[in-house]
């Protein structure tokens, strides 16, 4: 049950709230940090982006057509996979980028799709089921975290394969299977990709109040209700991290081995 409605913020209040940015501008000017231009651009750009997102969400929340919402979520997944791709180094040509783009898209789509669907249709069960007010924010939070897990998993796995290439080739020569040869590499990479989600659970409510919970409380929702929603999101993020990591690593592994289980020792594998 909501405690009370949230206070509306006028444009005048927004302007007053902007004044503390002047402290940053003053310090940048006083100590000649050269950050004033970047700060101003950041404030203007961030404001425009958030206002645009606000209108998009307002439109999305009014939608009841599942195809429109599905298209919006697919766009989120595509944007997330493209952003994750930019974090990968050593992709020297478009052919490699296409392969890794597909890996990232598939991993994020499967991981986020499964957990968002479970939350929306099994746990929360809004009426109607395809309600944008629930589906879009849930998908946004989970897809964003899926993007981080996918990028971390693939990048760490590729780095570990290059680092342990000699060890992998030796194990294969001694009769180990492909899975046995890369087991340690998979373990290290998966641990690195899943650790942020686990750390988030460990410090939940201690270091800081999570964003969704804070937003609901500010909007007048009961703290206990906000806690329940936040826990559902955090559980889903942890599950998504595991799924995304496993899918992305398994798909990347195929680029480094031939059909005869021969290891391809190349930083730009899959060319």
Foldseek 3Di string as FASTA:
>chain_A
DFQDAFDDADPVNVVVVCVVVVVVLVVCVVVVVPCNVVSVCCVVVVVVVVVVVVVVLVVQQPDPDLVVVVVVLLVLLLVLLVVLLVLAPDQDDPQLSVLSSVLSSVLLCVLLVVLLCCCQVPNPCDVVSRGSVRSVVLSNLQSNLLSQLLSQLQRQLLVVCLVCVVQLQVCVVVPDALCVSCVVSLVVSLCRSLVVLVVCVVCDPPPDDDDQLVVCVSRRGDSVVSVVVVVSSSVSNNSSSNSSSVSSSVSSSPQQADPVRDGNNDSNGPD
